[in-house]
């Protein structure tokens, strides 16, 4: 039986839980599990960004996933994402819910064995673990100043990005281990790059580093070339991601005035911590079809689509088939590649909307034909149907008469039985309650997917 098979609601509430306590518990758990580790990032990353990096041995890296699952089970944390963003790196995203704040919180834990980026082998786990020291103030193992400087500088130059706070952190290491650092720099940056770095830190000049960061990046990549093994492993990882993408596509449905736009705006912020990128599309991805491309004539009002003249059968058939091919090709050429990259994609309406409300799209054609098209199309992962009593809807928007709006409401509600992984949410209350309900549903889906 799955070790996470207990009721989801029992897993998501611990009022005493916070990121510091989770970090302390994780350190103890790693010690108890006889995992040799070193923290690769400062604890401010954990407190401010909820992100912490560890280096562990190659042997321990092979068994870290089941160990983290057991840790989550003991601490009543919910693992929702596991991403191998490199052959030697695995990120776990865990979440928990605090009832008093009515909010989900997250923590990202990144484990490295060897430090490899895009096929370039920079530092071995053995080198890093051999150069760790114990920080009594926080009761954990961390890299010594020399190796933290090397690791962190390489990371920043590889990304071509460094800010003043990060520079200060590096400068403190430079002050404590200047001579040892200088000895190691040539291995990664040759003589020319080493002199630029030495000058920047001797003069405590961040601008000198920023000015030359592109050049330093080129020197680093020339000095540390890509290894065939890691290139091969990255290709295998891409194949695995293609077969089993970590991204999620969510479609938000509902009548005009049900609060979709506000809800989507809030959901983008809510889901950002769990994915590398969050993107929004309106109805279609825009591969073939652009919104309003057939409605450019003067006097056409896009805000009142139900009051516009319906197309004839011939033009309705042409437009519906354009929607159909847009949905197919748009998915495989624009949406699916984003899923492979672990993106979170939100749709404000989608093809199924044409089935519910063909008049909105000025289409006059058999609903059975539209439904057949829907069954052929690639499906979104999650459907969220926002509902409101029609009386409340009319206070927000009065585009339709009451009877039509009420009829449309129940057509949307009936979709819940047609669509798998769908949820109906009453959006009558505060938006944060709606967002929390949707977030619970999505995070539960993510949790079940990896467990």
Protein backbone atom coordinates (compact mmCIF):
# COMPACT_ATOMS: atom_id res chain seq x y z
CA UNK A 1 0.00 0.00 0.00
CA UNK A 2 1.15 3.54 -0.76
CA UNK A 3 2.63 5.14 2.35
CA UNK A 4 0.73 8.34 1.54
CA UNK A 5 -2.64 6.64 1.32
CA UNK A 6 -4.00 8.35 4.45
CA UNK A 7 -6.74 10.95 4.04
CA UNK A 8 -5.43 14.08 2.31
CA UNK A 9 -7.12 16.44 4.80
CA UNK A 10 -5.24 14.78 7.65
CA UNK A 11 -1.94 15.59 5.97
CA UNK A 12 -2.33 19.29 5.42
CA UNK A 13 -2.71 20.93 8.82
CA UNK A 14 -0.04 21.49 11.46
CA UNK A 15 -0.36 24.82 13.25
CA UNK A 16 3.06 24.50 14.88
CA UNK A 17 4.82 23.82 11.59
CA UNK A 18 7.11 26.39 10.00
CA UNK A 19 10.12 26.35 7.69
CA UNK A 20 12.69 26.57 10.48
CA UNK A 21 11.18 23.58 12.29
CA UNK A 22 11.07 21.59 9.06
CA UNK A 23 14.72 22.42 8.39
CA UNK A 24 15.74 21.36 11.92
CA UNK A 25 13.74 18.13 11.62
CA UNK A 26 15.28 17.39 8.21
CA UNK A 27 18.83 17.85 9.54
CA UNK A 28 18.13 15.44 12.39
CA UNK A 29 16.52 12.98 10.00
CA UNK A 30 19.55 13.05 7.68
CA UNK A 31 21.86 12.44 10.65
CA UNK A 32 19.68 9.58 11.91
CA UNK A 33 19.66 8.07 8.39
CA UNK A 34 23.48 8.25 8.29
CA UNK A 35 23.46 10.65 5.34
CA UNK A 36 26.62 12.75 5.09
CA UNK A 37 25.59 16.19 3.84
CA UNK A 38 26.63 19.82 3.58
CA UNK A 39 24.26 22.75 3.22
CA UNK A 40 25.06 24.62 0.01
CA UNK A 41 23.03 27.76 0.61
CA UNK A 42 22.58 30.22 3.42
CA UNK A 43 19.66 29.78 5.80
CA UNK A 44 18.25 33.13 4.66
CA UNK A 45 17.27 31.29 1.45
CA UNK A 46 15.13 28.97 3.54
CA UNK A 47 13.45 31.66 5.61
CA UNK A 48 12.89 34.15 2.79
CA UNK A 49 12.50 31.92 -0.27
CA UNK A 50 11.73 28.50 1.25
CA UNK A 51 14.64 27.02 -0.67
CA UNK A 52 17.59 25.00 0.65
CA UNK A 53 20.34 23.10 -1.19
CA UNK A 54 22.29 20.07 0.02
CA UNK A 55 25.20 18.08 -1.34
CA UNK A 56 25.28 14.37 -0.52
CA UNK A 57 27.37 11.43 -1.72
CA UNK A 58 26.60 9.60 -4.97
CA UNK A 59 25.59 6.52 -3.00
CA UNK A 60 23.19 8.46 -0.78
CA UNK A 61 21.78 10.31 -3.79
CA UNK A 62 20.48 7.00 -5.19
CA UNK A 63 18.34 6.43 -2.07
CA UNK A 64 17.29 9.98 -1.21
CA UNK A 65 13.81 9.90 -2.79
CA UNK A 66 12.29 7.13 -0.61
CA UNK A 67 13.98 8.68 2.44
CA UNK A 68 12.36 12.07 1.77
CA UNK A 69 8.99 10.38 1.31
CA UNK A 70 9.37 8.75 4.72
CA UNK A 71 10.39 12.08 6.22
CA UNK A 72 7.25 13.70 4.76
CA UNK A 73 5.08 10.95 6.19
CA UNK A 74 6.52 11.45 9.67
CA UNK A 75 6.21 15.25 9.56
CA UNK A 76 2.82 15.29 7.80
CA UNK A 77 4.25 17.20 4.87
CA UNK A 78 2.87 16.76 1.36
CA UNK A 79 5.36 16.09 -1.45
CA UNK A 80 3.86 17.64 -4.59
CA UNK A 81 6.78 17.85 -7.03
CA UNK A 82 9.93 15.79 -7.61
CA UNK A 83 12.10 17.14 -10.44
CA UNK A 84 15.45 15.79 -11.61
CA UNK A 85 16.59 19.06 -13.17
CA UNK A 86 20.08 17.55 -13.70
CA UNK A 87 21.34 13.96 -13.79
CA UNK A 88 22.99 14.66 -10.41
CA UNK A 89 20.32 16.91 -8.87
CA UNK A 90 16.83 16.27 -7.54
CA UNK A 91 14.44 18.91 -6.20
CA UNK A 92 11.59 18.08 -3.83
CA UNK A 93 8.79 20.60 -3.33
CA UNK A 94 6.80 19.99 -0.16
CA UNK A 95 3.79 21.89 1.11
CA UNK A 96 1.72 22.26 4.25
CA UNK A 97 -1.41 24.21 5.19
CA UNK A 98 -1.87 26.57 8.11
CA UNK A 99 -5.50 26.88 9.13
CA UNK A 100 -5.21 30.20 10.96
CA UNK A 101 -3.70 31.95 7.92
CA UNK A 102 -5.86 29.95 5.49
CA UNK A 103 -2.82 29.57 3.30
CA UNK A 104 -0.53 26.94 1.79
CA UNK A 105 3.19 27.19 2.47
CA UNK A 106 5.96 25.43 0.63
CA UNK A 107 9.58 24.41 1.06
CA UNK A 108 11.98 23.43 -1.73
CA UNK A 109 14.76 20.97 -0.95
CA UNK A 110 17.41 20.47 -3.62
CA UNK A 111 19.85 17.56 -3.34
CA UNK A 112 23.03 17.38 -5.43
CA UNK A 113 25.63 14.68 -5.65
CA UNK A 114 28.25 16.06 -8.05
CA UNK A 115 27.72 19.69 -9.03
CA UNK A 116 26.91 19.47 -12.74
CA UNK A 117 25.17 22.08 -14.89
CA UNK A 118 24.10 21.44 -18.49
CA UNK A 119 26.68 18.69 -18.96
CA UNK A 120 29.58 20.56 -17.31
CA UNK A 121 31.14 18.81 -14.32
CA UNK A 122 32.27 21.51 -11.88
CA UNK A 123 32.71 19.95 -8.44
CA UNK A 124 32.49 16.37 -7.19
CA UNK A 125 30.41 15.46 -4.16
CA UNK A 126 33.56 13.99 -2.60
CA UNK A 127 35.44 17.31 -2.91
CA UNK A 128 32.53 19.20 -1.42
CA UNK A 129 31.93 16.78 1.47
CA UNK A 130 35.67 16.63 2.25
CA UNK A 131 35.58 20.40 2.71
CA UNK A 132 32.63 20.79 5.06
CA UNK A 133 32.67 22.23 8.55
CA UNK A 134 30.16 22.03 11.40
CA UNK A 135 28.27 25.21 12.19
CA UNK A 136 27.52 25.01 15.90
CA UNK A 137 25.29 28.07 15.83
CA UNK A 138 22.77 26.31 13.59
CA UNK A 139 23.75 22.69 14.32
CA UNK A 140 24.38 21.66 10.74
CA UNK A 141 27.20 20.89 8.30
CA UNK A 142 28.09 23.49 5.68
CA UNK A 143 30.88 24.05 3.16
CA UNK A 144 34.01 25.81 4.36
CA UNK A 145 34.61 29.34 3.06
CA UNK A 146 36.87 28.24 0.19
CA UNK A 147 34.48 25.71 -1.31
CA UNK A 148 31.35 27.73 -0.63
CA UNK A 149 32.97 30.63 -2.51
CA UNK A 150 33.86 28.38 -5.46
CA UNK A 151 30.47 26.69 -5.60
CA UNK A 152 28.46 29.90 -5.23
CA UNK A 153 30.60 31.96 -7.63
CA UNK A 154 30.43 29.25 -10.31
CA UNK A 155 26.66 29.05 -9.83
CA UNK A 156 26.21 32.83 -10.21
CA UNK A 157 28.56 33.17 -13.20
CA UNK A 158 26.98 30.16 -14.90
CA UNK A 159 23.61 31.93 -14.53
CA UNK A 160 25.18 35.31 -15.46
CA UNK A 161 23.40 36.88 -12.51
CA UNK A 162 24.62 38.24 -9.17
CA UNK A 163 23.18 40.88 -6.82
CA UNK A 164 24.66 42.94 -3.99
CA UNK A 165 23.47 40.58 -1.25
CA UNK A 166 25.08 37.58 -2.95
CA UNK A 167 28.28 39.55 -3.54
CA UNK A 168 28.51 40.42 0.18
CA UNK A 169 28.12 36.74 1.05
CA UNK A 170 30.95 35.85 -1.32
CA UNK A 171 33.09 38.74 -0.05
CA UNK A 172 32.82 37.45 3.53
CA UNK A 173 34.21 34.08 2.34
CA UNK A 174 36.94 35.91 0.40
CA UNK A 175 37.98 37.79 3.54
CA UNK A 176 38.26 34.53 5.52
CA UNK A 177 39.96 32.34 2.90
CA UNK A 178 41.56 34.65 0.33
CA UNK A 179 44.77 32.68 -0.32
CA UNK A 180 43.08 29.27 -0.57
CA UNK A 181 40.48 30.69 -2.97
CA UNK A 182 43.10 32.27 -5.26
CA UNK A 183 44.88 28.90 -5.52
CA UNK A 184 41.68 27.21 -6.72
CA UNK A 185 40.39 29.88 -9.13
CA UNK A 186 42.65 29.04 -12.08
CA UNK A 187 41.14 25.57 -12.36
CA UNK A 188 37.83 27.16 -13.40
CA UNK A 189 38.67 30.62 -14.76
CA UNK A 190 42.27 30.40 -16.07
CA UNK A 191 44.68 33.27 -15.45
CA UNK A 192 42.64 35.98 -17.17
CA UNK A 193 39.38 35.22 -15.40
CA UNK A 194 41.09 34.74 -12.06
CA UNK A 195 42.63 38.23 -12.27
CA UNK A 196 39.21 39.79 -12.99
CA UNK A 197 37.71 38.01 -9.96
CA UNK A 198 40.66 38.89 -7.70
CA UNK A 199 40.41 42.56 -8.70
CA UNK A 200 36.63 42.63 -8.06
CA UNK A 201 36.95 41.20 -4.54
CA UNK A 202 40.16 43.03 -3.61
CA UNK A 203 38.42 46.31 -4.45
CA UNK A 204 35.06 45.07 -3.14
CA UNK A 205 33.64 46.15 -6.48
CA UNK A 206 30.44 44.38 -7.56
CA UNK A 207 30.25 46.46 -10.76
CA UNK A 208 33.59 45.04 -11.89
CA UNK A 209 32.16 41.54 -11.62
CA UNK A 210 28.86 42.43 -13.30
CA UNK A 211 30.68 44.24 -16.13
CA UNK A 212 32.75 41.13 -16.89
CA UNK A 213 30.20 38.42 -16.03
CA UNK A 214 29.51 37.52 -19.69
CA UNK A 215 33.24 37.19 -20.34
CA UNK A 216 33.74 35.14 -17.16
CA UNK A 217 30.89 32.88 -18.23
CA UNK A 218 32.64 32.24 -21.57
CA UNK A 219 35.97 31.54 -19.84
CA UNK A 220 34.27 29.14 -17.40
CA UNK A 221 32.58 27.24 -20.22
CA UNK A 222 35.80 27.06 -22.26
CA UNK A 223 37.74 25.78 -19.25
CA UNK A 224 35.09 23.27 -18.15
CA UNK A 225 33.79 21.55 -21.28
CA UNK A 226 30.73 19.34 -21.46
CA UNK A 227 31.17 15.65 -20.76
CA UNK A 228 29.62 13.09 -23.08
CA UNK A 229 28.20 11.05 -20.18
CA UNK A 230 26.26 13.99 -18.76
CA UNK A 231 25.08 15.09 -22.20
CA UNK A 232 23.74 11.55 -22.73
CA UNK A 233 22.09 11.53 -19.30
CA UNK A 234 20.44 14.90 -20.00
CA UNK A 235 19.02 13.50 -23.27
CA UNK A 236 17.66 10.48 -21.43
CA UNK A 237 16.15 12.84 -18.85
CA UNK A 238 14.47 14.79 -21.67
CA UNK A 239 12.99 11.55 -23.06
CA UNK A 240 11.69 10.66 -19.61
CA UNK A 241 10.18 14.14 -19.19
CA UNK A 242 8.52 13.84 -22.60
CA UNK A 243 6.98 10.49 -21.72
CA UNK A 244 5.92 11.68 -18.28
CA UNK A 245 5.81 15.49 -18.17
CA UNK A 246 5.81 17.23 -14.78
CA UNK A 247 3.83 20.26 -15.96
CA UNK A 248 0.10 20.72 -15.48
CA UNK A 249 -2.61 22.23 -17.69
CA UNK A 250 -5.63 23.68 -15.90
CA UNK A 251 -8.75 25.03 -17.61
CA UNK A 252 -10.96 27.52 -15.76
CA UNK A 253 -14.60 27.52 -16.87
CA UNK A 254 -17.67 29.52 -15.90
CA UNK A 255 -20.13 32.16 -17.02
CA UNK A 256 -19.09 35.75 -17.66
CA UNK A 257 -19.13 37.48 -14.28
CA UNK A 258 -18.24 34.35 -12.29
CA UNK A 259 -14.86 35.84 -11.36
CA UNK A 260 -12.53 33.90 -13.68
CA UNK A 261 -10.13 36.78 -14.38
CA UNK A 262 -9.59 37.64 -10.70
CA UNK A 263 -9.35 33.96 -9.80
CA UNK A 264 -6.73 33.26 -12.49
CA UNK A 265 -4.66 36.28 -11.40
CA UNK A 266 -4.60 34.97 -7.81
CA UNK A 267 -3.93 31.38 -8.90
CA UNK A 268 -0.87 32.46 -10.86
CA UNK A 269 0.63 33.80 -7.62
CA UNK A 270 -0.48 30.74 -5.64
CA UNK A 271 1.13 28.22 -8.04
CA UNK A 272 4.38 30.08 -8.81
CA UNK A 273 6.45 28.41 -6.05
CA UNK A 274 5.71 24.92 -7.37
CA UNK A 275 6.72 25.37 -11.01
CA UNK A 276 9.61 26.97 -12.94
CA UNK A 277 7.10 29.06 -14.88
CA UNK A 278 3.37 29.85 -14.81
CA UNK A 279 1.61 30.87 -18.04
CA UNK A 280 -1.91 31.94 -18.97
CA UNK A 281 -3.79 31.51 -22.26
CA UNK A 282 -7.24 32.71 -23.27
CA UNK A 283 -9.36 29.86 -24.77
CA UNK A 284 -6.65 28.77 -27.22
CA UNK A 285 -2.86 28.84 -27.37
CA UNK A 286 -2.74 31.12 -30.42
CA UNK A 287 -0.93 28.67 -32.72
CA UNK A 288 -3.35 29.14 -35.65
CA UNK A 289 -6.18 31.22 -34.22
CA UNK A 290 -5.97 34.72 -32.75
CA UNK A 291 -8.80 35.97 -30.59
CA UNK A 292 -11.05 38.34 -32.51
CA UNK A 293 -9.46 37.62 -35.91
CA UNK A 294 -12.93 37.20 -37.46
CA UNK A 295 -14.57 40.04 -35.54
CA UNK A 296 -12.66 43.09 -36.73
CA UNK A 297 -15.49 44.87 -38.44
CA UNK A 298 -16.57 48.23 -37.10
CA UNK A 299 -19.16 48.22 -34.39
CA UNK A 300 -18.39 44.70 -33.12
CA UNK A 301 -18.44 44.71 -29.31
CA UNK A 302 -16.24 41.97 -27.83
CA UNK A 303 -17.64 42.60 -24.34
CA UNK A 304 -21.16 41.45 -25.38
CA UNK A 305 -20.63 38.35 -27.57
CA UNK A 306 -24.12 36.94 -26.89
CA UNK A 307 -25.74 39.98 -28.50
CA UNK A 308 -23.89 39.55 -31.79
CA UNK A 309 -25.40 37.93 -34.87
CA UNK A 310 -24.93 34.14 -35.12
CA UNK A 311 -23.06 32.83 -38.18
CA UNK A 312 -24.70 30.65 -40.79
CA UNK A 313 -24.17 26.88 -40.89
CA UNK A 314 -21.31 27.04 -43.42
CA UNK A 315 -19.21 29.68 -41.62
CA UNK A 316 -20.04 28.04 -38.25
CA UNK A 317 -18.64 24.75 -39.57
CA UNK A 318 -15.47 26.47 -40.83
CA UNK A 319 -14.88 28.34 -37.56
CA UNK A 320 -15.53 25.26 -35.42
CA UNK A 321 -13.04 23.24 -37.44
CA UNK A 322 -10.49 26.03 -37.12
CA UNK A 323 -11.00 25.86 -33.33
CA UNK A 324 -10.58 22.09 -33.50
CA UNK A 325 -7.29 22.18 -35.41
CA UNK A 326 -6.07 25.07 -33.25
CA UNK A 327 -6.75 22.99 -30.14
CA UNK A 328 -4.87 19.96 -31.55
CA UNK A 329 -1.84 21.69 -33.07
CA UNK A 330 -1.72 24.34 -30.36
CA UNK A 331 -1.52 21.61 -27.72
CA UNK A 332 1.24 19.56 -29.38
CA UNK A 333 3.35 22.49 -30.62
CA UNK A 334 2.87 25.07 -27.83
CA UNK A 335 1.31 23.53 -24.72
CA UNK A 336 2.91 20.07 -24.54
CA UNK A 337 6.51 21.41 -24.84
CA UNK A 338 5.71 23.64 -21.86
CA UNK A 339 4.40 20.63 -19.92
CA UNK A 340 7.68 18.84 -20.62
CA UNK A 341 9.50 21.85 -19.11
CA UNK A 342 7.34 21.46 -15.96
CA UNK A 343 5.35 24.66 -16.53
CA UNK A 344 1.95 25.39 -14.99
CA UNK A 345 -0.49 26.44 -17.75
CA UNK A 346 -3.81 28.13 -17.05
CA UNK A 347 -6.55 28.47 -19.66
CA UNK A 348 -9.27 31.08 -19.28
CA UNK A 349 -11.90 29.01 -21.13
CA UNK A 350 -11.06 26.30 -23.68
CA UNK A 351 -12.67 24.28 -26.51
CA UNK A 352 -15.29 22.67 -24.24
CA UNK A 353 -16.74 26.17 -23.79
CA UNK A 354 -18.05 26.00 -27.34
CA UNK A 355 -20.15 22.97 -26.34
CA UNK A 356 -21.60 24.76 -23.32
CA UNK A 357 -22.24 28.12 -24.90
CA UNK A 358 -22.08 28.02 -28.75
CA UNK A 359 -23.98 31.32 -29.01
CA UNK A 360 -21.06 33.11 -27.34
CA UNK A 361 -18.86 32.00 -30.27
CA UNK A 362 -21.63 32.76 -32.81
CA UNK A 363 -21.64 29.10 -33.86
CA UNK A 364 -24.78 27.29 -35.00
CA UNK A 365 -24.04 23.58 -35.26
CA UNK A 366 -25.04 20.29 -33.61
CA UNK A 367 -23.81 19.89 -30.02
CA UNK A 368 -23.29 16.19 -30.67
CA UNK A 369 -20.72 17.08 -33.35
CA UNK A 370 -18.94 19.46 -30.93
CA UNK A 371 -18.93 16.77 -28.24
CA UNK A 372 -17.35 14.25 -30.64
CA UNK A 373 -14.61 16.78 -31.37
CA UNK A 374 -14.03 17.23 -27.63
CA UNK A 375 -13.47 13.47 -27.14
CA UNK A 376 -10.77 13.47 -29.86
CA UNK A 377 -8.83 16.46 -28.47
CA UNK A 378 -5.95 16.21 -25.98
CA UNK A 379 -7.37 16.87 -22.50
CA UNK A 380 -6.29 19.30 -19.84
CA UNK A 381 -5.18 17.75 -16.54
CA UNK A 382 -7.62 19.63 -14.29
CA UNK A 383 -10.90 21.47 -14.89
CA UNK A 384 -12.07 24.15 -12.48
CA UNK A 385 -15.68 25.28 -12.87
CA UNK A 386 -16.48 28.53 -11.05
CA UNK A 387 -20.11 28.78 -9.99
CA UNK A 388 -22.31 31.57 -8.61
CA UNK A 389 -26.01 31.89 -7.88
CA UNK A 390 -27.51 33.79 -10.80
CA UNK A 391 -28.77 36.51 -8.44
CA UNK A 392 -25.16 37.26 -7.42
CA UNK A 393 -23.97 37.02 -11.03
CA UNK A 394 -26.49 39.66 -12.07
CA UNK A 395 -25.03 42.12 -9.56
CA UNK A 396 -21.66 41.76 -11.36
CA UNK A 397 -22.68 41.47 -15.01
CA UNK A 398 -26.05 41.59 -16.79
CA UNK A 399 -25.20 40.59 -20.34
CA UNK A 400 -27.85 37.82 -20.49
CA UNK A 401 -31.44 37.70 -19.34
CA UNK A 402 -32.06 35.83 -16.08
CA UNK A 403 -33.55 32.68 -17.63
CA UNK A 404 -30.69 32.24 -20.12
CA UNK A 405 -28.07 32.86 -17.41
CA UNK A 406 -29.74 30.32 -15.11
CA UNK A 407 -29.94 27.74 -17.89
CA UNK A 408 -26.27 28.32 -18.74
CA UNK A 409 -25.34 27.84 -15.08
CA UNK A 410 -26.70 24.30 -15.03
CA UNK A 411 -25.06 23.42 -18.34
CA UNK A 412 -21.70 24.35 -16.78
CA UNK A 413 -22.53 22.37 -13.64
CA UNK A 414 -23.36 19.32 -15.77
CA UNK A 415 -19.82 19.44 -17.19
CA UNK A 416 -18.58 18.19 -13.82
CA UNK A 417 -20.02 14.75 -14.68
CA UNK A 418 -18.52 14.79 -18.17
CA UNK A 419 -14.99 15.89 -17.27
CA UNK A 420 -12.59 13.79 -15.20
CA UNK A 421 -10.45 15.60 -12.61
CA UNK A 422 -12.94 18.44 -12.43
CA UNK A 423 -14.13 20.46 -9.46
CA UNK A 424 -17.01 22.92 -9.03
CA UNK A 425 -16.16 25.83 -6.70
CA UNK A 426 -18.69 28.32 -5.40
CA UNK A 427 -17.07 31.73 -5.92
CA UNK A 428 -19.63 33.61 -3.86
CA UNK A 429 -17.30 34.24 -0.91
CA UNK A 430 -13.82 35.71 -0.58
CA UNK A 431 -11.42 35.06 -3.46
CA UNK A 432 -8.78 33.64 -1.09
CA UNK A 433 -11.21 30.86 -0.08
CA UNK A 434 -11.81 30.00 -3.74
CA UNK A 435 -8.06 30.00 -4.42
CA UNK A 436 -7.39 27.78 -1.38
CA UNK A 437 -10.02 25.27 -2.49
CA UNK A 438 -8.56 25.17 -6.01
CA UNK A 439 -4.99 24.98 -4.67
CA UNK A 440 -5.96 22.03 -2.43
CA UNK A 441 -7.42 20.21 -5.42
CA UNK A 442 -4.39 20.88 -7.63
CA UNK A 443 -1.82 20.05 -4.94
CA UNK A 444 -3.68 16.85 -4.09
CA UNK A 445 -3.59 15.90 -7.79
CA UNK A 446 0.17 16.61 -7.86
CA UNK A 447 0.69 14.60 -4.69
CA UNK A 448 -1.20 11.58 -6.00
CA UNK A 449 0.66 11.78 -9.30
CA UNK A 450 4.10 11.31 -7.68
CA UNK A 451 3.02 8.90 -4.93
